[in-house]
């Protein structure tokens, strides 16, 4: 599963690279946290967790490390939502464990 998740994040990064400042992924045993920086202190976070090939979840957050959105970042919210929609569509297409959700 980790290899498929790595490939998913690589393809997502390529798809949104021109619109973002940075893209990093932190790995734990059964979880990956992608941090997509849009501006200083504004991120889209994607948390992907799995227990096996058929059981996984994906969650999203927008904001700083506390999921707080500053008023100076309101101009980037449409971009953040667009990235989440792109990420979710790609995940459902590439990861079988999400195709039924």
N, C-alpha and C. Protein backbone atom coordinates (compact mmCIF):
# COMPACT_ATOMS: atom_id res chain seq x y z
N UNK A 1 0.82 -1.20 0.00
CA UNK A 1 0.00 0.00 0.00
C UNK A 1 0.87 1.26 0.00
N UNK A 2 1.97 1.22 0.76
CA UNK A 2 2.80 2.42 0.85
C UNK A 2 3.29 2.86 -0.54
N UNK A 3 3.66 1.92 -1.39
CA UNK A 3 4.14 2.27 -2.72
C UNK A 3 3.04 2.97 -3.54
N UNK A 4 1.82 2.50 -3.42
CA UNK A 4 0.71 3.14 -4.15
C UNK A 4 0.43 4.54 -3.62
N UNK A 5 0.53 4.70 -2.31
CA UNK A 5 0.33 6.02 -1.71
C UNK A 5 1.46 6.96 -2.13
N UNK A 6 2.69 6.47 -2.16
CA UNK A 6 3.81 7.29 -2.63
C UNK A 6 3.59 7.75 -4.06
N UNK A 7 3.16 6.84 -4.91
CA UNK A 7 2.88 7.18 -6.31
C UNK A 7 1.75 8.20 -6.41
N UNK A 8 0.71 8.02 -5.61
CA UNK A 8 -0.41 8.97 -5.59
C UNK A 8 0.08 10.37 -5.23
N UNK A 9 0.87 10.50 -4.18
CA UNK A 9 1.36 11.81 -3.78
C UNK A 9 2.29 12.41 -4.84
N UNK A 10 3.09 11.57 -5.47
CA UNK A 10 3.98 12.06 -6.54
C UNK A 10 3.15 12.64 -7.70
N UNK A 11 2.12 11.92 -8.11
CA UNK A 11 1.27 12.39 -9.21
C UNK A 11 0.46 13.63 -8.80
N UNK A 12 0.00 13.66 -7.56
CA UNK A 12 -0.71 14.86 -7.09
C UNK A 12 0.22 16.06 -7.10
N UNK A 13 1.44 15.88 -6.61
CA UNK A 13 2.41 16.98 -6.61
C UNK A 13 2.64 17.51 -8.02
N UNK A 14 2.80 16.62 -8.98
CA UNK A 14 3.00 17.05 -10.37
C UNK A 14 1.78 17.81 -10.88
N UNK A 15 0.58 17.39 -10.50
CA UNK A 15 -0.65 18.02 -11.00
C UNK A 15 -0.85 19.42 -10.46
N UNK A 16 -0.35 19.71 -9.25
CA UNK A 16 -0.61 21.02 -8.63
C UNK A 16 0.64 21.85 -8.44
N UNK A 17 1.77 21.40 -8.90
CA UNK A 17 3.07 22.02 -8.62
C UNK A 17 3.13 23.51 -8.95
N UNK A 18 2.50 23.93 -10.01
CA UNK A 18 2.59 25.34 -10.42
C UNK A 18 1.80 26.28 -9.50
N UNK A 19 0.91 25.74 -8.68
CA UNK A 19 0.04 26.55 -7.85
C UNK A 19 0.47 26.64 -6.39
N UNK A 20 1.54 25.92 -6.01
CA UNK A 20 1.90 25.82 -4.60
C UNK A 20 3.33 26.26 -4.37
N UNK A 21 3.67 26.48 -3.08
CA UNK A 21 5.03 26.85 -2.72
C UNK A 21 5.88 25.64 -2.34
N UNK A 22 5.26 24.64 -1.68
CA UNK A 22 6.02 23.46 -1.24
C UNK A 22 5.07 22.29 -1.04
N UNK A 23 5.64 21.07 -1.15
CA UNK A 23 4.87 19.84 -0.97
C UNK A 23 5.77 18.85 -0.26
N UNK A 24 5.41 18.46 0.95
CA UNK A 24 6.19 17.49 1.71
C UNK A 24 5.26 16.39 2.22
N UNK A 25 5.84 15.22 2.45
CA UNK A 25 5.08 14.10 3.00
C UNK A 25 5.87 13.51 4.16
N UNK A 26 5.21 13.35 5.30
CA UNK A 26 5.79 12.67 6.45
C UNK A 26 5.17 11.28 6.53
N UNK A 27 6.01 10.28 6.75
CA UNK A 27 5.55 8.89 6.78
C UNK A 27 5.64 8.32 8.17
N UNK A 28 4.58 7.60 8.54
CA UNK A 28 4.58 6.76 9.73
C UNK A 28 4.29 5.35 9.25
N UNK A 29 4.17 4.40 10.15
CA UNK A 29 4.02 3.01 9.71
C UNK A 29 2.81 2.82 8.81
N UNK A 30 1.65 3.29 9.21
CA UNK A 30 0.42 3.10 8.43
C UNK A 30 -0.28 4.43 8.16
N UNK A 31 0.50 5.49 7.99
CA UNK A 31 -0.09 6.81 7.78
C UNK A 31 0.89 7.70 7.03
N UNK A 32 0.34 8.55 6.20
CA UNK A 32 1.14 9.56 5.51
C UNK A 32 0.45 10.90 5.68
N UNK A 33 1.22 11.93 5.98
CA UNK A 33 0.70 13.29 6.12
C UNK A 33 1.37 14.17 5.08
N UNK A 34 0.57 14.61 4.10
CA UNK A 34 1.09 15.54 3.09
C UNK A 34 0.79 16.96 3.55
N UNK A 35 1.80 17.82 3.44
CA UNK A 35 1.65 19.22 3.78
C UNK A 35 1.90 20.02 2.50
N UNK A 36 0.85 20.65 2.02
CA UNK A 36 0.93 21.40 0.78
C UNK A 36 0.86 22.88 1.14
N UNK A 37 1.96 23.58 0.97
CA UNK A 37 2.03 24.98 1.36
C UNK A 37 1.56 25.87 0.22
N UNK A 38 0.55 26.71 0.53
CA UNK A 38 0.02 27.66 -0.44
C UNK A 38 0.61 29.05 -0.24
N UNK A 39 0.79 29.44 0.99
CA UNK A 39 1.39 30.70 1.41
C UNK A 39 2.03 30.47 2.77
N UNK A 40 2.71 31.48 3.26
CA UNK A 40 3.22 31.38 4.62
C UNK A 40 2.05 31.15 5.58
N UNK A 41 2.13 30.12 6.39
CA UNK A 41 1.10 29.76 7.38
C UNK A 41 -0.23 29.33 6.77
N UNK A 42 -0.25 28.91 5.53
CA UNK A 42 -1.48 28.37 4.94
C UNK A 42 -1.15 27.09 4.18
N UNK A 43 -1.76 26.02 4.63
CA UNK A 43 -1.50 24.70 4.07
C UNK A 43 -2.81 23.97 3.77
N UNK A 44 -2.70 23.01 2.88
CA UNK A 44 -3.69 21.95 2.75
C UNK A 44 -2.98 20.72 3.30
N UNK A 45 -3.61 20.07 4.27
CA UNK A 45 -3.07 18.84 4.84
C UNK A 45 -3.91 17.67 4.33
N UNK A 46 -3.24 16.62 3.92
CA UNK A 46 -3.92 15.38 3.53
C UNK A 46 -3.37 14.27 4.41
N UNK A 47 -4.26 13.64 5.15
CA UNK A 47 -3.88 12.54 6.03
C UNK A 47 -4.44 11.26 5.43
N UNK A 48 -3.55 10.37 5.04
CA UNK A 48 -3.96 9.09 4.46
C UNK A 48 -3.53 7.99 5.40
N UNK A 49 -4.49 7.17 5.86
CA UNK A 49 -4.21 6.09 6.80
C UNK A 49 -4.71 4.78 6.22
N UNK A 50 -4.03 3.69 6.56
CA UNK A 50 -4.47 2.38 6.08
C UNK A 50 -4.09 1.32 7.11
N UNK A 51 -4.86 0.24 7.10
CA UNK A 51 -4.51 -0.91 7.93
C UNK A 51 -4.15 -2.10 7.05
N UNK A 52 -4.71 -2.13 5.85
CA UNK A 52 -4.37 -3.16 4.87
C UNK A 52 -4.77 -2.64 3.49
N UNK A 53 -4.70 -3.49 2.50
CA UNK A 53 -4.97 -3.08 1.11
C UNK A 53 -6.41 -2.64 0.87
N UNK A 54 -7.34 -3.08 1.72
CA UNK A 54 -8.75 -2.78 1.48
C UNK A 54 -9.35 -1.82 2.49
N UNK A 55 -8.61 -1.43 3.51
CA UNK A 55 -9.13 -0.56 4.55
C UNK A 55 -8.26 0.69 4.66
N UNK A 56 -8.81 1.81 4.23
CA UNK A 56 -8.06 3.06 4.30
C UNK A 56 -9.01 4.24 4.47
N UNK A 57 -8.45 5.35 4.90
CA UNK A 57 -9.21 6.59 5.02
C UNK A 57 -8.34 7.74 4.54
N UNK A 58 -9.00 8.79 4.10
CA UNK A 58 -8.31 10.01 3.70
C UNK A 58 -9.06 11.18 4.31
N UNK A 59 -8.33 12.12 4.88
CA UNK A 59 -8.92 13.29 5.52
C UNK A 59 -8.15 14.53 5.07
N UNK A 60 -8.83 15.67 5.15
CA UNK A 60 -8.26 16.93 4.67
C UNK A 60 -8.43 18.03 5.72
N UNK A 61 -7.46 18.93 5.76
CA UNK A 61 -7.55 20.13 6.60
C UNK A 61 -6.98 21.30 5.80
N UNK A 62 -7.47 22.47 6.11
CA UNK A 62 -6.95 23.71 5.53
C UNK A 62 -6.61 24.64 6.68
N UNK A 63 -5.48 25.31 6.58
CA UNK A 63 -5.10 26.29 7.59
C UNK A 63 -3.65 26.16 7.96
N UNK A 64 -3.34 26.66 9.17
CA UNK A 64 -1.98 26.50 9.69
C UNK A 64 -1.92 25.17 10.45
N UNK A 65 -0.89 24.96 11.26
CA UNK A 65 -0.76 23.68 11.95
C UNK A 65 -1.89 23.40 12.94
N UNK A 66 -2.68 24.42 13.27
CA UNK A 66 -3.84 24.25 14.14
C UNK A 66 -5.15 24.32 13.37
N UNK A 67 -5.09 24.25 12.05
CA UNK A 67 -6.27 24.34 11.17
C UNK A 67 -6.97 25.69 11.30
N UNK A 68 -6.21 26.72 11.60
CA UNK A 68 -6.74 28.09 11.69
C UNK A 68 -6.45 28.79 10.37
N UNK A 69 -7.46 29.48 9.86
CA UNK A 69 -7.30 30.24 8.62
C UNK A 69 -7.31 31.72 8.97
N UNK A 70 -6.22 32.40 8.67
CA UNK A 70 -6.12 33.83 8.93
C UNK A 70 -6.88 34.61 7.86
N UNK A 71 -7.40 35.77 8.21
CA UNK A 71 -8.15 36.56 7.23
C UNK A 71 -7.28 36.94 6.04
N UNK A 72 -5.99 37.07 6.23
CA UNK A 72 -5.11 37.44 5.11
C UNK A 72 -4.99 36.30 4.08
N UNK A 73 -5.50 35.12 4.41
CA UNK A 73 -5.43 33.97 3.51
C UNK A 73 -6.74 33.67 2.80
N UNK A 74 -7.75 34.48 3.01
CA UNK A 74 -9.06 34.20 2.40
C UNK A 74 -8.99 34.15 0.88
N UNK A 75 -8.06 34.88 0.29
CA UNK A 75 -7.93 34.88 -1.17
C UNK A 75 -7.44 33.54 -1.72
N UNK A 76 -6.92 32.68 -0.86
CA UNK A 76 -6.39 31.37 -1.29
C UNK A 76 -7.34 30.22 -0.98
N UNK A 77 -8.49 30.49 -0.39
CA UNK A 77 -9.40 29.40 -0.02
C UNK A 77 -9.94 28.65 -1.23
N UNK A 78 -10.28 29.36 -2.29
CA UNK A 78 -10.76 28.67 -3.49
C UNK A 78 -9.71 27.72 -4.03
N UNK A 79 -8.45 28.14 -4.02
CA UNK A 79 -7.36 27.27 -4.46
C UNK A 79 -7.24 26.06 -3.54
N UNK A 80 -7.34 26.27 -2.24
CA UNK A 80 -7.24 25.16 -1.29
C UNK A 80 -8.35 24.13 -1.53
N UNK A 81 -9.56 24.60 -1.72
CA UNK A 81 -10.68 23.69 -1.97
C UNK A 81 -10.48 22.96 -3.31
N UNK A 82 -10.00 23.66 -4.29
CA UNK A 82 -9.73 23.05 -5.59
C UNK A 82 -8.68 21.94 -5.47
N UNK A 83 -7.65 22.16 -4.68
CA UNK A 83 -6.62 21.15 -4.47
C UNK A 83 -7.21 19.94 -3.77
N UNK A 84 -8.06 20.15 -2.79
CA UNK A 84 -8.70 19.04 -2.09
C UNK A 84 -9.58 18.24 -3.05
N UNK A 85 -10.34 18.92 -3.89
CA UNK A 85 -11.18 18.21 -4.86
C UNK A 85 -10.33 17.39 -5.83
N UNK A 86 -9.24 17.97 -6.31
CA UNK A 86 -8.33 17.25 -7.20
C UNK A 86 -7.71 16.05 -6.49
N UNK A 87 -7.26 16.28 -5.27
CA UNK A 87 -6.63 15.21 -4.49
C UNK A 87 -7.61 14.07 -4.25
N UNK A 88 -8.83 14.40 -3.92
CA UNK A 88 -9.81 13.36 -3.62
C UNK A 88 -10.19 12.57 -4.88
N UNK A 89 -10.37 13.27 -5.97
CA UNK A 89 -10.71 12.57 -7.22
C UNK A 89 -9.57 11.64 -7.64
N UNK A 90 -8.34 12.12 -7.55
CA UNK A 90 -7.19 11.28 -7.90
C UNK A 90 -7.10 10.07 -6.97
N UNK A 91 -7.33 10.29 -5.69
CA UNK A 91 -7.24 9.20 -4.71
C UNK A 91 -8.29 8.13 -5.01
N UNK A 92 -9.50 8.55 -5.31
CA UNK A 92 -10.55 7.57 -5.61
C UNK A 92 -10.24 6.78 -6.88
N UNK A 93 -9.59 7.41 -7.85
CA UNK A 93 -9.23 6.73 -9.10
C UNK A 93 -8.05 5.77 -8.90
N UNK A 94 -7.10 6.11 -8.05
CA UNK A 94 -5.85 5.36 -7.95
C UNK A 94 -5.80 4.36 -6.80
N UNK A 95 -6.65 4.54 -5.81
CA UNK A 95 -6.56 3.70 -4.62
C UNK A 95 -7.88 2.96 -4.42
N UNK A 96 -7.84 1.66 -4.65
CA UNK A 96 -9.06 0.83 -4.65
C UNK A 96 -9.80 0.91 -3.32
N UNK A 97 -9.10 1.09 -2.22
CA UNK A 97 -9.76 1.12 -0.92
C UNK A 97 -10.69 2.33 -0.76
N UNK A 98 -10.55 3.33 -1.62
CA UNK A 98 -11.41 4.53 -1.55
C UNK A 98 -12.51 4.51 -2.59
N UNK A 99 -12.52 3.57 -3.48
CA UNK A 99 -13.46 3.60 -4.59
C UNK A 99 -14.89 3.36 -4.15
N UNK A 100 -15.10 2.79 -3.00
CA UNK A 100 -16.47 2.57 -2.54
C UNK A 100 -17.00 3.71 -1.68
N UNK A 101 -16.15 4.68 -1.34
CA UNK A 101 -16.60 5.80 -0.50
C UNK A 101 -17.11 6.96 -1.33
